[in-house]
Amino acid sequence: MLAKTTTSNLGYQQITPGATSTALTIPAGARFILIQSHTNPIRWRDDGTAPSATIGMRIPVGVDFLYDGELQKFRIIEEATGAIVNISYYA
């Protein structure tokens, strides 16, 4: 029998990242995020280096992306002006 896993939603954040990389506002206890970009693709990195509009892992518009790494190192940037990013935080 599989053990049941329970998750709790700890909050939501909408970011307009702009041309400078942006860190997240992480609620206490958050272990992973669900992130989706609207209007324009975004790029992200979690290795301590800021992403740029052309360098970093890409999240296309409308794609749900689940991330469970080091949230405090996660940074995003827009590929083109006007990106809107929705993020839900979970424990």
PDB file of N, CA and C in Angstrom:
ATOM      1  N   MET A   1       0.834  -1.174   0.000  1.00  0.00           N
ATOM      2  CA  MET A   1       0.000   0.000   0.000  1.00  0.00           C
ATOM      3  C   MET A   1       0.885   1.245   0.000  1.00  0.00           C
ATOM      4  N   LEU A   2       0.514   2.227  -0.792  1.00  0.00           N
ATOM      5  CA  LEU A   2       1.250   3.484  -0.844  1.00  0.00           C
ATOM      6  C   LEU A   2       0.815   4.397   0.286  1.00  0.00           C
ATOM      7  N   ALA A   3       1.784   5.130   0.838  1.00  0.00           N
ATOM      8  CA  ALA A   3       1.461   6.099   1.879  1.00  0.00           C
ATOM      9  C   ALA A   3       0.819   7.329   1.254  1.00  0.00           C
ATOM     10  N   LYS A   4      -0.163   7.880   1.922  1.00  0.00           N
ATOM     11  CA  LYS A   4      -0.827   9.075   1.421  1.00  0.00           C
ATOM     12  C   LYS A   4       0.044  10.289   1.730  1.00  0.00           C
ATOM     13  N   THR A   5       0.230  11.151   0.743  1.00  0.00           N
ATOM     14  CA  THR A   5       1.000  12.364   0.918  1.00  0.00           C
ATOM     15  C   THR A   5       0.042  13.549   0.925  1.00  0.00           C
ATOM     16  N   THR A   6       0.194  14.405   1.904  1.00  0.00           N
ATOM     17  CA  THR A   6      -0.659  15.577   2.007  1.00  0.00           C
ATOM     18  C   THR A   6       0.171  16.824   1.724  1.00  0.00           C
ATOM     19  N   THR A   7      -0.371  17.719   0.908  1.00  0.00           N
ATOM     20  CA  THR A   7       0.290  18.986   0.656  1.00  0.00           C
ATOM     21  C   THR A   7      -0.615  20.117   1.112  1.00  0.00           C
ATOM     22  N   SER A   8      -0.005  21.212   1.482  1.00  0.00           N
ATOM     23  CA  SER A   8      -0.743  22.392   1.910  1.00  0.00           C
ATOM     24  C   SER A   8      -0.331  23.576   1.067  1.00  0.00           C
ATOM     25  N   ASN A   9      -1.300  24.328   0.591  1.00  0.00           N
ATOM     26  CA  ASN A   9      -0.996  25.548  -0.150  1.00  0.00           C
ATOM     27  C   ASN A   9      -0.656  26.628   0.866  1.00  0.00           C
ATOM     28  N   LEU A  10       0.539  27.204   0.727  1.00  0.00           N
ATOM     29  CA  LEU A  10       1.012  28.215   1.672  1.00  0.00           C
ATOM     30  C   LEU A  10       0.909  29.630   1.127  1.00  0.00           C
ATOM     31  N   GLY A  11       0.490  29.771  -0.110  1.00  0.00           N
ATOM     32  CA  GLY A  11       0.356  31.120  -0.637  1.00  0.00           C
ATOM     33  C   GLY A  11       0.489  31.172  -2.141  1.00  0.00           C
ATOM     34  N   TYR A  12       0.247  32.379  -2.633  1.00  0.00           N
ATOM     35  CA  TYR A  12       0.255  32.657  -4.058  1.00  0.00           C
ATOM     36  C   TYR A  12       0.957  33.984  -4.276  1.00  0.00           C
ATOM     37  N   GLN A  13       1.652  34.086  -5.392  1.00  0.00           N
ATOM     38  CA  GLN A  13       2.356  35.315  -5.733  1.00  0.00           C
ATOM     39  C   GLN A  13       2.261  35.531  -7.232  1.00  0.00           C
ATOM     40  N   GLN A  14       2.019  36.762  -7.659  1.00  0.00           N
ATOM     41  CA  GLN A  14       2.086  37.100  -9.076  1.00  0.00           C
ATOM     42  C   GLN A  14       3.236  38.087  -9.246  1.00  0.00           C
ATOM     43  N   ILE A  15       4.132  37.774 -10.179  1.00  0.00           N
ATOM     44  CA  ILE A  15       5.329  38.587 -10.403  1.00  0.00           C
ATOM     45  C   ILE A  15       5.332  39.078 -11.849  1.00  0.00           C
ATOM     46  N   THR A  16       5.720  40.317 -12.033  1.00  0.00           N
ATOM     47  CA  THR A  16       6.057  40.847 -13.349  1.00  0.00           C
ATOM     48  C   THR A  16       7.565  41.046 -13.303  1.00  0.00           C
ATOM     49  N   PRO A  17       8.342  40.045 -13.750  1.00  0.00           N
ATOM     50  CA  PRO A  17       9.769  40.028 -13.474  1.00  0.00           C
ATOM     51  C   PRO A  17      10.602  41.155 -14.084  1.00  0.00           C
ATOM     52  N   GLY A  18      10.270  41.645 -15.238  1.00  0.00           N
ATOM     53  CA  GLY A  18      11.068  42.705 -15.840  1.00  0.00           C
ATOM     54  C   GLY A  18      12.379  42.207 -16.413  1.00  0.00           C
ATOM     55  N   ALA A  19      13.253  43.147 -16.752  1.00  0.00           N
ATOM     56  CA  ALA A  19      14.515  42.845 -17.422  1.00  0.00           C
ATOM     57  C   ALA A  19      15.644  42.518 -16.447  1.00  0.00           C
ATOM     58  N   THR A  20      15.371  42.579 -15.152  1.00  0.00           N
ATOM     59  CA  THR A  20      16.337  42.218 -14.118  1.00  0.00           C
ATOM     60  C   THR A  20      15.825  40.972 -13.415  1.00  0.00           C
ATOM     61  N   SER A  21      16.709  40.018 -13.117  1.00  0.00           N
ATOM     62  CA  SER A  21      16.236  38.777 -12.491  1.00  0.00           C
ATOM     63  C   SER A  21      15.601  39.068 -11.131  1.00  0.00           C
ATOM     64  N   THR A  22      14.589  38.280 -10.828  1.00  0.00           N
ATOM     65  CA  THR A  22      13.766  38.488  -9.639  1.00  0.00           C
ATOM     66  C   THR A  22      13.767  37.229  -8.783  1.00  0.00           C
ATOM     67  N   ALA A  23      13.928  37.424  -7.462  1.00  0.00           N
ATOM     68  CA  ALA A  23      13.817  36.320  -6.514  1.00  0.00           C
ATOM     69  C   ALA A  23      12.363  36.167  -6.093  1.00  0.00           C
ATOM     70  N   LEU A  24      12.046  35.060  -5.463  1.00  0.00           N
ATOM     71  CA  LEU A  24      10.695  34.792  -4.986  1.00  0.00           C
ATOM     72  C   LEU A  24      10.519  35.307  -3.563  1.00  0.00           C
ATOM     73  N   THR A  25       9.286  35.559  -3.176  1.00  0.00           N
ATOM     74  CA  THR A  25       8.943  35.859  -1.788  1.00  0.00           C
ATOM     75  C   THR A  25       8.371  34.568  -1.226  1.00  0.00           C
ATOM     76  N   ILE A  26       9.201  33.811  -0.540  1.00  0.00           N
ATOM     77  CA  ILE A  26       8.877  32.440  -0.149  1.00  0.00           C
ATOM     78  C   ILE A  26       8.245  32.398   1.241  1.00  0.00           C
ATOM     79  N   PRO A  27       7.045  31.848   1.353  1.00  0.00           N
ATOM     80  CA  PRO A  27       6.432  31.700   2.677  1.00  0.00           C
ATOM     81  C   PRO A  27       7.196  30.657   3.513  1.00  0.00           C
ATOM     82  N   ALA A  28       7.197  30.845   4.816  1.00  0.00           N
ATOM     83  CA  ALA A  28       7.851  29.894   5.718  1.00  0.00           C
ATOM     84  C   ALA A  28       7.274  28.501   5.509  1.00  0.00           C
ATOM     85  N   GLY A  29       8.138  27.521   5.437  1.00  0.00           N
ATOM     86  CA  GLY A  29       7.718  26.128   5.313  1.00  0.00           C
ATOM     87  C   GLY A  29       7.503  25.643   3.888  1.00  0.00           C
ATOM     88  N   ALA A  30       7.605  26.533   2.898  1.00  0.00           N
ATOM     89  CA  ALA A  30       7.399  26.118   1.501  1.00  0.00           C
ATOM     90  C   ALA A  30       8.511  25.173   1.062  1.00  0.00           C
ATOM     91  N   ARG A  31       8.119  24.088   0.394  1.00  0.00           N
ATOM     92  CA  ARG A  31       9.077  23.098  -0.094  1.00  0.00           C
ATOM     93  C   ARG A  31       9.107  23.019  -1.610  1.00  0.00           C
ATOM     94  N   PHE A  32       8.008  23.405  -2.270  1.00  0.00           N
ATOM     95  CA  PHE A  32       7.992  23.382  -3.725  1.00  0.00           C
ATOM     96  C   PHE A  32       6.999  24.407  -4.250  1.00  0.00           C
ATOM     97  N   ILE A  33       7.131  24.705  -5.559  1.00  0.00           N
ATOM     98  CA  ILE A  33       6.257  25.691  -6.193  1.00  0.00           C
ATOM     99  C   ILE A  33       5.680  25.124  -7.480  1.00  0.00           C
ATOM    100  N   LEU A  34       4.528  25.662  -7.834  1.00  0.00           N
ATOM    101  CA  LEU A  34       3.937  25.445  -9.145  1.00  0.00           C
ATOM    102  C   LEU A  34       3.953  26.816  -9.799  1.00  0.00           C
ATOM    103  N   ILE A  35       4.584  26.914 -10.965  1.00  0.00           N
ATOM    104  CA  ILE A  35       4.792  28.195 -11.610  1.00  0.00           C
ATOM    105  C   ILE A  35       4.287  28.139 -13.051  1.00  0.00           C
ATOM    106  N   GLN A  36       3.686  29.240 -13.491  1.00  0.00           N
ATOM    107  CA  GLN A  36       3.200  29.323 -14.873  1.00  0.00           C
ATOM    108  C   GLN A  36       3.375  30.754 -15.359  1.00  0.00           C
ATOM    109  N   SER A  37       3.874  30.886 -16.586  1.00  0.00           N
ATOM    110  CA  SER A  37       4.054  32.197 -17.204  1.00  0.00           C
ATOM    111  C   SER A  37       2.891  32.501 -18.137  1.00  0.00           C
ATOM    112  N   HIS A  38       2.472  33.752 -18.125  1.00  0.00           N
ATOM    113  CA  HIS A  38       1.412  34.222 -19.012  1.00  0.00           C
ATOM    114  C   HIS A  38       1.967  35.362 -19.864  1.00  0.00           C
ATOM    115  N   THR A  39       1.510  35.494 -21.022  1.00  0.00           N
ATOM    116  CA  THR A  39       1.828  36.569 -21.988  1.00  0.00           C
ATOM    117  C   THR A  39       3.180  36.435 -22.672  1.00  0.00           C
ATOM    118  N   ASN A  40       4.258  36.085 -21.943  1.00  0.00           N
ATOM    119  CA  ASN A  40       5.596  35.904 -22.541  1.00  0.00           C
ATOM    120  C   ASN A  40       6.366  34.826 -21.789  1.00  0.00           C
ATOM    121  N   PRO A  41       7.247  34.109 -22.471  1.00  0.00           N
ATOM    122  CA  PRO A  41       8.069  33.108 -21.798  1.00  0.00           C
ATOM    123  C   PRO A  41       9.002  33.752 -20.764  1.00  0.00           C
ATOM    124  N   ILE A  42       9.441  32.940 -19.815  1.00  0.00           N
ATOM    125  CA  ILE A  42      10.422  33.383 -18.829  1.00  0.00           C
ATOM    126  C   ILE A  42      11.594  32.399 -18.818  1.00  0.00           C
ATOM    127  N   ARG A  43      12.669  32.807 -18.178  1.00  0.00           N
ATOM    128  CA  ARG A  43      13.835  31.941 -17.949  1.00  0.00           C
ATOM    129  C   ARG A  43      14.088  31.892 -16.447  1.00  0.00           C
ATOM    130  N   TRP A  44      14.649  30.770 -15.991  1.00  0.00           N
ATOM    131  CA  TRP A  44      14.977  30.631 -14.578  1.00  0.00           C
ATOM    132  C   TRP A  44      16.322  29.951 -14.387  1.00  0.00           C
ATOM    133  N   ARG A  45      16.917  30.212 -13.227  1.00  0.00           N
ATOM    134  CA  ARG A  45      18.136  29.516 -12.790  1.00  0.00           C
ATOM    135  C   ARG A  45      18.051  29.346 -11.284  1.00  0.00           C
ATOM    136  N   ASP A  46      18.760  28.333 -10.778  1.00  0.00           N
ATOM    137  CA  ASP A  46      18.802  28.089  -9.337  1.00  0.00           C
ATOM    138  C   ASP A  46      20.208  27.715  -8.880  1.00  0.00           C
ATOM    139  N   ASP A  47      21.202  28.176  -9.631  1.00  0.00           N
ATOM    140  CA  ASP A  47      22.586  27.827  -9.327  1.00  0.00           C
ATOM    141  C   ASP A  47      23.383  28.987  -8.742  1.00  0.00           C
ATOM    142  N   GLY A  48      22.701  30.053  -8.335  1.00  0.00           N
ATOM    143  CA  GLY A  48      23.384  31.203  -7.757  1.00  0.00           C
ATOM    144  C   GLY A  48      23.770  32.264  -8.778  1.00  0.00           C
ATOM    145  N   THR A  49      23.496  32.004 -10.054  1.00  0.00           N
ATOM    146  CA  THR A  49      23.767  32.966 -11.117  1.00  0.00           C
ATOM    147  C   THR A  49      22.431  33.454 -11.666  1.00  0.00           C
ATOM    148  N   ALA A  50      22.333  34.755 -11.903  1.00  0.00           N
ATOM    149  CA  ALA A  50      21.087  35.319 -12.417  1.00  0.00           C
ATOM    150  C   ALA A  50      20.862  34.888 -13.866  1.00  0.00           C
ATOM    151  N   PRO A  51      19.631  34.546 -14.217  1.00  0.00           N
ATOM    152  CA  PRO A  51      19.321  34.250 -15.622  1.00  0.00           C
ATOM    153  C   PRO A  51      19.306  35.545 -16.426  1.00  0.00           C
ATOM    154  N   SER A  52      19.341  35.405 -17.734  1.00  0.00           N
ATOM    155  CA  SER A  52      19.169  36.561 -18.621  1.00  0.00           C
ATOM    156  C   SER A  52      18.020  36.234 -19.576  1.00  0.00           C
ATOM    157  N   ALA A  53      17.699  37.149 -20.447  1.00  0.00           N
ATOM    158  CA  ALA A  53      16.615  36.931 -21.404  1.00  0.00           C
ATOM    159  C   ALA A  53      16.932  35.814 -22.390  1.00  0.00           C
ATOM    160  N   THR A  54      18.206  35.430 -22.484  1.00  0.00           N
ATOM    161  CA  THR A  54      18.611  34.374 -23.424  1.00  0.00           C
ATOM    162  C   THR A  54      19.318  33.193 -22.760  1.00  0.00           C
ATOM    163  N   ILE A  55      19.623  33.296 -21.479  1.00  0.00           N
ATOM    164  CA  ILE A  55      20.350  32.222 -20.782  1.00  0.00           C
ATOM    165  C   ILE A  55      19.566  31.795 -19.547  1.00  0.00           C
ATOM    166  N   GLY A  56      19.351  30.512 -19.422  1.00  0.00           N
ATOM    167  CA  GLY A  56      18.614  29.933 -18.307  1.00  0.00           C
ATOM    168  C   GLY A  56      17.600  28.930 -18.849  1.00  0.00           C
ATOM    169  N   MET A  57      17.002  28.198 -17.948  1.00  0.00           N
ATOM    170  CA  MET A  57      15.987  27.229 -18.326  1.00  0.00           C
ATOM    171  C   MET A  57      14.720  27.989 -18.704  1.00  0.00           C
ATOM    172  N   ARG A  58      14.072  27.573 -19.785  1.00  0.00           N
ATOM    173  CA  ARG A  58      12.932  28.307 -20.337  1.00  0.00           C
ATOM    174  C   ARG A  58      11.605  27.701 -19.886  1.00  0.00           C
ATOM    175  N   ILE A  59      10.657  28.564 -19.536  1.00  0.00           N
ATOM    176  CA  ILE A  59       9.281  28.152 -19.275  1.00  0.00           C
ATOM    177  C   ILE A  59       8.408  28.872 -20.298  1.00  0.00           C
ATOM    178  N   PRO A  60       7.862  28.133 -21.267  1.00  0.00           N
ATOM    179  CA  PRO A  60       6.994  28.751 -22.270  1.00  0.00           C
ATOM    180  C   PRO A  60       5.669  29.222 -21.658  1.00  0.00           C
ATOM    181  N   VAL A  61       4.970  30.054 -22.352  1.00  0.00           N
ATOM    182  CA  VAL A  61       3.667  30.553 -21.919  1.00  0.00           C
ATOM    183  C   VAL A  61       2.691  29.388 -21.746  1.00  0.00           C
ATOM    184  N   GLY A  62       1.967  29.396 -20.624  1.00  0.00           N
ATOM    185  CA  GLY A  62       0.913  28.422 -20.385  1.00  0.00           C
ATOM    186  C   GLY A  62       1.346  27.056 -19.892  1.00  0.00           C
ATOM    187  N   VAL A  63       2.640  26.832 -19.701  1.00  0.00           N
ATOM    188  CA  VAL A  63       3.136  25.541 -19.234  1.00  0.00           C
ATOM    189  C   VAL A  63       3.200  25.546 -17.704  1.00  0.00           C
ATOM    190  N   ASP A  64       2.628  24.532 -17.060  1.00  0.00           N
ATOM    191  CA  ASP A  64       2.743  24.382 -15.617  1.00  0.00           C
ATOM    192  C   ASP A  64       4.081  23.729 -15.308  1.00  0.00           C
ATOM    193  N   PHE A  65       4.866  24.352 -14.437  1.00  0.00           N
ATOM    194  CA  PHE A  65       6.199  23.860 -14.092  1.00  0.00           C
ATOM    195  C   PHE A  65       6.260  23.672 -12.580  1.00  0.00           C
ATOM    196  N   LEU A  66       6.554  22.450 -12.133  1.00  0.00           N
ATOM    197  CA  LEU A  66       6.672  22.124 -10.719  1.00  0.00           C
ATOM    198  C   LEU A  66       8.151  22.096 -10.358  1.00  0.00           C
ATOM    199  N   TYR A  67       8.525  22.865  -9.346  1.00  0.00           N
ATOM    200  CA  TYR A  67       9.935  22.957  -8.937  1.00  0.00           C
ATOM    201  C   TYR A  67      10.032  22.615  -7.462  1.00  0.00           C
ATOM    202  N   ASP A  68      10.962  21.704  -7.108  1.00  0.00           N
ATOM    203  CA  ASP A  68      11.132  21.317  -5.712  1.00  0.00           C
ATOM    204  C   ASP A  68      12.586  21.352  -5.265  1.00  0.00           C
ATOM    205  N   GLY A  69      13.359  22.264  -5.829  1.00  0.00           N
ATOM    206  CA  GLY A  69      14.759  22.436  -5.454  1.00  0.00           C
ATOM    207  C   GLY A  69      14.910  23.507  -4.387  1.00  0.00           C
ATOM    208  N   GLU A  70      16.044  24.202  -4.419  1.00  0.00           N
ATOM    209  CA  GLU A  70      16.347  25.243  -3.442  1.00  0.00           C
ATOM    210  C   GLU A  70      15.611  26.532  -3.809  1.00  0.00           C
ATOM    211  N   LEU A  71      14.464  26.741  -3.203  1.00  0.00           N
ATOM    212  CA  LEU A  71      13.609  27.874  -3.544  1.00  0.00           C
ATOM    213  C   LEU A  71      14.319  29.211  -3.355  1.00  0.00           C
ATOM    214  N   GLN A  72      15.185  29.317  -2.352  1.00  0.00           N
ATOM    215  CA  GLN A  72      15.845  30.582  -2.088  1.00  0.00           C
ATOM    216  C   GLN A  72      16.846  30.963  -3.187  1.00  0.00           C
ATOM    217  N   LYS A  73      17.253  30.014  -4.017  1.00  0.00           N
ATOM    218  CA  LYS A  73      18.165  30.296  -5.132  1.00  0.00           C
ATOM    219  C   LYS A  73      17.432  30.490  -6.459  1.00  0.00           C
ATOM    220  N   PHE A  74      16.136  30.248  -6.479  1.00  0.00           N
ATOM    221  CA  PHE A  74      15.340  30.308  -7.708  1.00  0.00           C
ATOM    222  C   PHE A  74      15.128  31.760  -8.109  1.00  0.00           C
ATOM    223  N   ARG A  75      15.546  32.109  -9.335  1.00  0.00           N
ATOM    224  CA  ARG A  75      15.389  33.466  -9.862  1.00  0.00           C
ATOM    225  C   ARG A  75      14.806  33.382 -11.261  1.00  0.00           C
ATOM    226  N   ILE A  76      13.961  34.359 -11.600  1.00  0.00           N
ATOM    227  CA  ILE A  76      13.335  34.381 -12.918  1.00  0.00           C
ATOM    228  C   ILE A  76      13.571  35.718 -13.605  1.00  0.00           C
ATOM    229  N   ILE A  77      13.423  35.691 -14.926  1.00  0.00           N
ATOM    230  CA  ILE A  77      13.518  36.899 -15.739  1.00  0.00           C
ATOM    231  C   ILE A  77      12.624  36.713 -16.961  1.00  0.00           C
ATOM    232  N   GLU A  78      12.123  37.801 -17.502  1.00  0.00           N
ATOM    233  CA  GLU A  78      11.297  37.704 -18.709  1.00  0.00           C
ATOM    234  C   GLU A  78      12.178  37.625 -19.945  1.00  0.00           C
ATOM    235  N   GLU A  79      11.698  36.912 -20.960  1.00  0.00           N
ATOM    236  CA  GLU A  79      12.386  36.896 -22.251  1.00  0.00           C
ATOM    237  C   GLU A  79      12.058  38.145 -23.059  1.00  0.00           C
ATOM    238  N   ALA A  80      10.851  38.633 -22.907  1.00  0.00           N
ATOM    239  CA  ALA A  80      10.391  39.839 -23.603  1.00  0.00           C
ATOM    240  C   ALA A  80       9.502  40.633 -22.654  1.00  0.00           C
ATOM    241  N   THR A  81       9.438  41.905 -22.847  1.00  0.00           N
ATOM    242  CA  THR A  81       8.689  42.812 -21.980  1.00  0.00           C
ATOM    243  C   THR A  81       7.233  42.373 -21.808  1.00  0.00           C
ATOM    244  N   GLY A  82       6.773  42.411 -20.567  1.00  0.00           N
ATOM    245  CA  GLY A  82       5.368  42.158 -20.285  1.00  0.00           C
ATOM    246  C   GLY A  82       5.032  40.800 -19.723  1.00  0.00           C
ATOM    247  N   ALA A  83       6.009  39.992 -19.351  1.00  0.00           N
ATOM    248  CA  ALA A  83       5.713  38.676 -18.780  1.00  0.00           C
ATOM    249  C   ALA A  83       5.010  38.818 -17.431  1.00  0.00           C
ATOM    250  N   ILE A  84       4.054  37.948 -17.203  1.00  0.00           N
ATOM    251  CA  ILE A  84       3.360  37.861 -15.919  1.00  0.00           C
ATOM    252  C   ILE A  84       3.499  36.417 -15.455  1.00  0.00           C
ATOM    253  N   VAL A  85       3.947  36.231 -14.212  1.00  0.00           N
ATOM    254  CA  VAL A  85       4.214  34.894 -13.692  1.00  0.00           C
ATOM    255  C   VAL A  85       3.357  34.649 -12.456  1.00  0.00           C
ATOM    256  N   ASN A  86       2.648  33.520 -12.442  1.00  0.00           N
ATOM    257  CA  ASN A  86       1.843  33.109 -11.297  1.00  0.00           C
ATOM    258  C   ASN A  86       2.545  31.954 -10.594  1.00  0.00           C
ATOM    259  N   ILE A  87       2.627  32.053  -9.272  1.00  0.00           N
ATOM    260  CA  ILE A  87       3.337  31.052  -8.471  1.00  0.00           C
ATOM    261  C   ILE A  87       2.477  30.654  -7.279  1.00  0.00           C
ATOM    262  N   SER A  88       2.333  29.356  -7.052  1.00  0.00           N
ATOM    263  CA  SER A  88       1.688  28.836  -5.843  1.00  0.00           C
ATOM    264  C   SER A  88       2.762  28.094  -5.045  1.00  0.00           C
ATOM    265  N   TYR A  89       2.754  28.300  -3.740  1.00  0.00           N
ATOM    266  CA  TYR A  89       3.739  27.710  -2.833  1.00  0.00           C
ATOM    267  C   TYR A  89       3.089  26.591  -2.022  1.00  0.00           C
ATOM    268  N   TYR A  90       3.819  25.484  -1.871  1.00  0.00           N
ATOM    269  CA  TYR A  90       3.281  24.311  -1.180  1.00  0.00           C
ATOM    270  C   TYR A  90       4.261  23.731  -0.168  1.00  0.00           C
ATOM    271  N   ALA A  91       3.706  23.104   0.866  1.00  0.00           N
ATOM    272  CA  ALA A  91       4.505  22.381   1.859  1.00  0.00           C
ATOM    273  C   ALA A  91       4.187  20.907   1.747  1.00  0.00           C
TER     274      ALA A  91
END
